[in-house]
Amino acid sequence: MKPVFAIVTLVVFLHACTWVKTTPEGAKVRVAQASEIEKCERTGEVTASLKSRVGGFERKPGKVAGELETLARNEAVTMGGDTVVAESLVKDGRQTYGVYRCQP
């Protein structure tokens, strides 16, 4: 009985975990809609990816989407961007974002 409890506890713990942390620079990157970037300069594109399944269990879609957004924001800084816009839906733990510089 104890091994089953340990496995269930581990699955619940892993299901709730957030592994991706926003960097201090990434925290300054804005997430926008396509309609908000008409006056911005595109600096590139980033495809964020991570595991959407852990140990055979599907992670919560909201957690996966949030972590992909965090990865995109962190990467935008290295591309000279201050804004990201999702350009695809989340599929198999992957999502593409456009990176833009909106602040002079």
N, C-alpha and C. Protein backbone atom coordinates (compact mmCIF):
# COMPACT_ATOMS: atom_id res chain seq x y z
N MET A 1 0.83 -1.20 0.00
CA MET A 1 0.00 0.00 0.00
C MET A 1 0.87 1.27 0.00
N LYS A 2 1.99 1.26 0.72
CA LYS A 2 2.85 2.44 0.79
C LYS A 2 3.43 2.83 -0.58
N PRO A 3 3.88 1.87 -1.41
CA PRO A 3 4.40 2.26 -2.72
C PRO A 3 3.35 2.97 -3.59
N VAL A 4 2.12 2.53 -3.52
CA VAL A 4 1.05 3.17 -4.30
C VAL A 4 0.87 4.61 -3.83
N PHE A 5 0.85 4.82 -2.52
CA PHE A 5 0.69 6.17 -1.97
C PHE A 5 1.86 7.06 -2.42
N ALA A 6 3.07 6.51 -2.39
CA ALA A 6 4.25 7.28 -2.80
C ALA A 6 4.17 7.66 -4.27
N ILE A 7 3.72 6.76 -5.11
CA ILE A 7 3.60 7.04 -6.54
C ILE A 7 2.54 8.10 -6.78
N VAL A 8 1.40 7.98 -6.13
CA VAL A 8 0.33 8.96 -6.28
C VAL A 8 0.79 10.34 -5.80
N THR A 9 1.50 10.38 -4.69
CA THR A 9 2.02 11.64 -4.17
C THR A 9 3.01 12.27 -5.14
N LEU A 10 3.89 11.46 -5.70
CA LEU A 10 4.87 11.95 -6.67
C LEU A 10 4.18 12.51 -7.92
N VAL A 11 3.18 11.81 -8.41
CA VAL A 11 2.46 12.27 -9.60
C VAL A 11 1.76 13.59 -9.33
N VAL A 12 1.12 13.73 -8.18
CA VAL A 12 0.45 14.98 -7.83
C VAL A 12 1.47 16.10 -7.71
N PHE A 13 2.59 15.83 -7.09
CA PHE A 13 3.65 16.83 -6.94
C PHE A 13 4.17 17.28 -8.30
N LEU A 14 4.50 16.33 -9.17
CA LEU A 14 5.02 16.66 -10.49
C LEU A 14 3.99 17.39 -11.34
N HIS A 15 2.74 17.04 -11.18
CA HIS A 15 1.66 17.67 -11.94
C HIS A 15 1.54 19.15 -11.58
N ALA A 16 1.84 19.50 -10.34
CA ALA A 16 1.69 20.88 -9.87
C ALA A 16 2.96 21.71 -10.04
N CYS A 17 4.08 21.06 -10.32
CA CYS A 17 5.37 21.77 -10.39
C CYS A 17 5.45 22.74 -11.56
N THR A 18 6.15 23.82 -11.32
CA THR A 18 6.54 24.74 -12.38
C THR A 18 8.05 24.72 -12.42
N TRP A 19 8.60 24.24 -13.54
CA TRP A 19 10.04 24.11 -13.63
C TRP A 19 10.70 25.32 -14.26
N VAL A 20 9.97 26.08 -15.01
CA VAL A 20 10.55 27.21 -15.73
C VAL A 20 10.34 28.48 -14.93
N LYS A 21 11.41 29.18 -14.68
CA LYS A 21 11.36 30.43 -13.90
C LYS A 21 11.66 31.61 -14.81
N THR A 22 10.98 32.71 -14.58
CA THR A 22 11.23 33.93 -15.34
C THR A 22 12.51 34.57 -14.83
N THR A 23 13.38 34.94 -15.76
CA THR A 23 14.60 35.66 -15.38
C THR A 23 14.22 37.10 -15.06
N PRO A 24 15.07 37.83 -14.35
CA PRO A 24 14.76 39.25 -14.09
C PRO A 24 14.56 40.04 -15.38
N GLU A 25 15.35 39.73 -16.40
CA GLU A 25 15.20 40.42 -17.69
C GLU A 25 13.92 39.99 -18.39
N GLY A 26 13.63 38.69 -18.35
CA GLY A 26 12.43 38.15 -18.98
C GLY A 26 11.15 38.70 -18.37
N ALA A 27 11.22 39.05 -17.09
CA ALA A 27 10.05 39.62 -16.41
C ALA A 27 9.65 40.97 -17.00
N LYS A 28 10.59 41.62 -17.67
CA LYS A 28 10.31 42.93 -18.27
C LYS A 28 9.71 42.82 -19.67
N VAL A 29 9.70 41.61 -20.22
CA VAL A 29 9.17 41.40 -21.57
C VAL A 29 7.66 41.26 -21.49
N ARG A 30 6.98 42.01 -22.34
CA ARG A 30 5.52 42.06 -22.35
C ARG A 30 4.98 40.99 -23.30
N VAL A 31 3.85 40.41 -22.92
CA VAL A 31 3.13 39.48 -23.79
C VAL A 31 1.98 40.27 -24.40
N ALA A 32 1.92 40.30 -25.73
CA ALA A 32 0.93 41.13 -26.40
C ALA A 32 0.13 40.31 -27.41
N GLN A 33 -0.91 40.92 -27.92
CA GLN A 33 -1.71 40.35 -29.01
C GLN A 33 -1.18 40.93 -30.32
N ALA A 34 -1.46 40.26 -31.42
CA ALA A 34 -0.99 40.71 -32.73
C ALA A 34 -1.46 42.13 -33.05
N SER A 35 -2.62 42.51 -32.58
CA SER A 35 -3.16 43.84 -32.86
C SER A 35 -2.41 44.96 -32.13
N GLU A 36 -1.56 44.61 -31.17
CA GLU A 36 -0.86 45.60 -30.37
C GLU A 36 0.56 45.90 -30.85
N ILE A 37 1.01 45.27 -31.91
CA ILE A 37 2.41 45.39 -32.30
C ILE A 37 2.62 46.07 -33.65
N GLU A 38 1.61 46.73 -34.15
CA GLU A 38 1.71 47.31 -35.49
C GLU A 38 2.84 48.34 -35.62
N LYS A 39 3.23 48.99 -34.54
CA LYS A 39 4.30 49.99 -34.60
C LYS A 39 5.62 49.46 -34.05
N CYS A 40 5.70 48.17 -33.88
CA CYS A 40 6.90 47.54 -33.31
C CYS A 40 7.77 46.96 -34.42
N GLU A 41 9.05 46.77 -34.10
CA GLU A 41 10.00 46.17 -35.03
C GLU A 41 10.18 44.69 -34.68
N ARG A 42 9.98 43.83 -35.64
CA ARG A 42 10.17 42.40 -35.41
C ARG A 42 11.67 42.10 -35.36
N THR A 43 12.09 41.42 -34.30
CA THR A 43 13.50 41.07 -34.16
C THR A 43 13.75 39.58 -34.41
N GLY A 44 12.69 38.80 -34.49
CA GLY A 44 12.86 37.38 -34.77
C GLY A 44 11.70 36.54 -34.30
N GLU A 45 11.99 35.27 -34.18
CA GLU A 45 10.99 34.28 -33.81
C GLU A 45 11.64 33.26 -32.88
N VAL A 46 10.89 32.78 -31.94
CA VAL A 46 11.39 31.76 -31.03
C VAL A 46 10.34 30.65 -30.93
N THR A 47 10.82 29.42 -30.96
CA THR A 47 9.93 28.28 -30.72
C THR A 47 10.30 27.71 -29.36
N ALA A 48 9.40 27.87 -28.43
CA ALA A 48 9.61 27.36 -27.07
C ALA A 48 9.10 25.93 -27.02
N SER A 49 9.82 25.08 -26.31
CA SER A 49 9.36 23.70 -26.17
C SER A 49 9.76 23.14 -24.81
N LEU A 50 8.94 22.20 -24.35
CA LEU A 50 9.19 21.51 -23.09
C LEU A 50 8.38 20.23 -23.07
N LYS A 51 8.56 19.45 -22.04
CA LYS A 51 7.83 18.20 -21.90
C LYS A 51 6.40 18.49 -21.46
N SER A 52 5.44 18.00 -22.23
CA SER A 52 4.04 18.17 -21.85
C SER A 52 3.52 16.92 -21.14
N ARG A 53 4.34 15.87 -21.17
CA ARG A 53 4.01 14.63 -20.46
C ARG A 53 5.19 14.28 -19.55
N VAL A 54 4.88 13.90 -18.33
CA VAL A 54 5.91 13.49 -17.38
C VAL A 54 5.52 12.14 -16.82
N GLY A 55 6.40 11.18 -16.99
CA GLY A 55 6.13 9.84 -16.46
C GLY A 55 4.85 9.23 -17.01
N GLY A 56 4.54 9.54 -18.26
CA GLY A 56 3.33 8.99 -18.86
C GLY A 56 2.06 9.76 -18.54
N PHE A 57 2.18 10.83 -17.76
CA PHE A 57 1.02 11.63 -17.38
C PHE A 57 1.06 12.96 -18.11
N GLU A 58 -0.09 13.37 -18.61
CA GLU A 58 -0.21 14.66 -19.30
C GLU A 58 -0.21 15.78 -18.26
N ARG A 59 0.62 16.80 -18.48
CA ARG A 59 0.65 17.96 -17.58
C ARG A 59 -0.54 18.85 -17.88
N LYS A 60 -0.91 19.68 -16.93
CA LYS A 60 -2.04 20.60 -17.13
C LYS A 60 -1.73 21.54 -18.29
N PRO A 61 -2.67 21.67 -19.24
CA PRO A 61 -2.44 22.55 -20.39
C PRO A 61 -2.10 24.00 -20.00
N GLY A 62 -2.74 24.51 -18.97
CA GLY A 62 -2.46 25.88 -18.53
C GLY A 62 -1.04 26.05 -18.02
N LYS A 63 -0.53 25.05 -17.31
CA LYS A 63 0.85 25.08 -16.82
C LYS A 63 1.83 25.04 -17.99
N VAL A 64 1.57 24.16 -18.94
CA VAL A 64 2.45 24.04 -20.10
C VAL A 64 2.47 25.36 -20.87
N ALA A 65 1.30 25.93 -21.13
CA ALA A 65 1.22 27.20 -21.87
C ALA A 65 1.95 28.32 -21.12
N GLY A 66 1.79 28.37 -19.81
CA GLY A 66 2.46 29.40 -19.01
C GLY A 66 3.97 29.26 -19.05
N GLU A 67 4.46 28.04 -18.99
CA GLU A 67 5.90 27.82 -19.04
C GLU A 67 6.47 28.11 -20.42
N LEU A 68 5.72 27.80 -21.47
CA LEU A 68 6.17 28.13 -22.82
C LEU A 68 6.28 29.64 -22.98
N GLU A 69 5.31 30.35 -22.45
CA GLU A 69 5.34 31.82 -22.49
C GLU A 69 6.55 32.36 -21.75
N THR A 70 6.84 31.78 -20.59
CA THR A 70 8.01 32.19 -19.81
C THR A 70 9.30 31.95 -20.59
N LEU A 71 9.42 30.78 -21.22
CA LEU A 71 10.60 30.49 -22.02
C LEU A 71 10.75 31.51 -23.15
N ALA A 72 9.65 31.85 -23.80
CA ALA A 72 9.69 32.82 -24.89
C ALA A 72 10.11 34.20 -24.38
N ARG A 73 9.58 34.61 -23.25
CA ARG A 73 9.95 35.91 -22.68
C ARG A 73 11.44 35.94 -22.32
N ASN A 74 11.93 34.88 -21.71
CA ASN A 74 13.35 34.81 -21.36
C ASN A 74 14.23 34.87 -22.61
N GLU A 75 13.84 34.18 -23.66
CA GLU A 75 14.63 34.15 -24.89
C GLU A 75 14.54 35.46 -25.65
N ALA A 76 13.42 36.16 -25.57
CA ALA A 76 13.25 37.42 -26.29
C ALA A 76 14.32 38.43 -25.92
N VAL A 77 14.74 38.41 -24.68
CA VAL A 77 15.77 39.34 -24.21
C VAL A 77 17.06 39.15 -25.00
N THR A 78 17.44 37.91 -25.27
CA THR A 78 18.68 37.64 -26.00
C THR A 78 18.58 38.05 -27.46
N MET A 79 17.35 38.30 -27.94
CA MET A 79 17.12 38.69 -29.33
C MET A 79 16.85 40.19 -29.45
N GLY A 80 17.02 40.92 -28.35
CA GLY A 80 16.80 42.35 -28.38
C GLY A 80 15.34 42.75 -28.36
N GLY A 81 14.48 41.84 -27.97
CA GLY A 81 13.05 42.12 -27.93
C GLY A 81 12.56 42.52 -26.56
N ASP A 82 11.42 43.20 -26.54
CA ASP A 82 10.77 43.56 -25.28
C ASP A 82 9.31 43.12 -25.25
N THR A 83 8.88 42.44 -26.32
CA THR A 83 7.49 42.00 -26.45
C THR A 83 7.46 40.68 -27.21
N VAL A 84 6.59 39.77 -26.79
CA VAL A 84 6.37 38.53 -27.53
C VAL A 84 4.89 38.39 -27.87
N VAL A 85 4.63 37.74 -29.00
CA VAL A 85 3.26 37.47 -29.45
C VAL A 85 3.19 36.02 -29.89
N ALA A 86 2.24 35.27 -29.33
CA ALA A 86 2.06 33.88 -29.74
C ALA A 86 1.63 33.84 -31.19
N GLU A 87 2.30 33.01 -31.98
CA GLU A 87 1.98 32.89 -33.40
C GLU A 87 1.44 31.51 -33.76
N SER A 88 1.37 30.64 -32.78
CA SER A 88 0.80 29.31 -33.00
C SER A 88 0.12 28.86 -31.72
N LEU A 89 -0.63 27.80 -31.83
CA LEU A 89 -1.23 27.18 -30.66
C LEU A 89 -0.21 26.23 -30.04
N VAL A 90 -0.42 25.85 -28.79
CA VAL A 90 0.44 24.87 -28.13
C VAL A 90 0.13 23.50 -28.74
N LYS A 91 1.18 22.83 -29.19
CA LYS A 91 1.01 21.48 -29.74
C LYS A 91 2.21 20.63 -29.33
N ASP A 92 1.93 19.56 -28.63
CA ASP A 92 2.99 18.64 -28.18
C ASP A 92 4.08 19.35 -27.40
N GLY A 93 3.71 20.32 -26.57
CA GLY A 93 4.68 21.02 -25.73
C GLY A 93 5.52 22.04 -26.49
N ARG A 94 5.04 22.51 -27.64
CA ARG A 94 5.77 23.49 -28.45
C ARG A 94 4.84 24.64 -28.83
N GLN A 95 5.41 25.84 -28.91
CA GLN A 95 4.65 27.01 -29.36
C GLN A 95 5.63 28.02 -29.93
N THR A 96 5.22 28.67 -31.03
CA THR A 96 6.05 29.66 -31.70
C THR A 96 5.57 31.06 -31.32
N TYR A 97 6.55 31.94 -31.06
CA TYR A 97 6.28 33.33 -30.70
C TYR A 97 7.07 34.25 -31.61
N GLY A 98 6.46 35.37 -31.99
CA GLY A 98 7.19 36.44 -32.66
C GLY A 98 7.80 37.31 -31.57
N VAL A 99 9.00 37.79 -31.82
CA VAL A 99 9.71 38.65 -30.87
C VAL A 99 9.80 40.04 -31.49
N TYR A 100 9.42 41.06 -30.70
CA TYR A 100 9.36 42.43 -31.19
C TYR A 100 10.03 43.40 -30.24
N ARG A 101 10.53 44.50 -30.81
CA ARG A 101 11.04 45.61 -30.02
C ARG A 101 10.03 46.75 -30.20
N CYS A 102 9.34 47.08 -29.11
CA CYS A 102 8.30 48.11 -29.17
C CYS A 102 8.74 49.40 -28.47
N GLN A 103 9.66 49.28 -27.54
CA GLN A 103 10.18 50.44 -26.83
C GLN A 103 11.40 50.96 -27.56
N PRO A 104 11.53 52.28 -27.73
CA PRO A 104 12.74 52.81 -28.40
C PRO A 104 14.00 52.61 -27.57
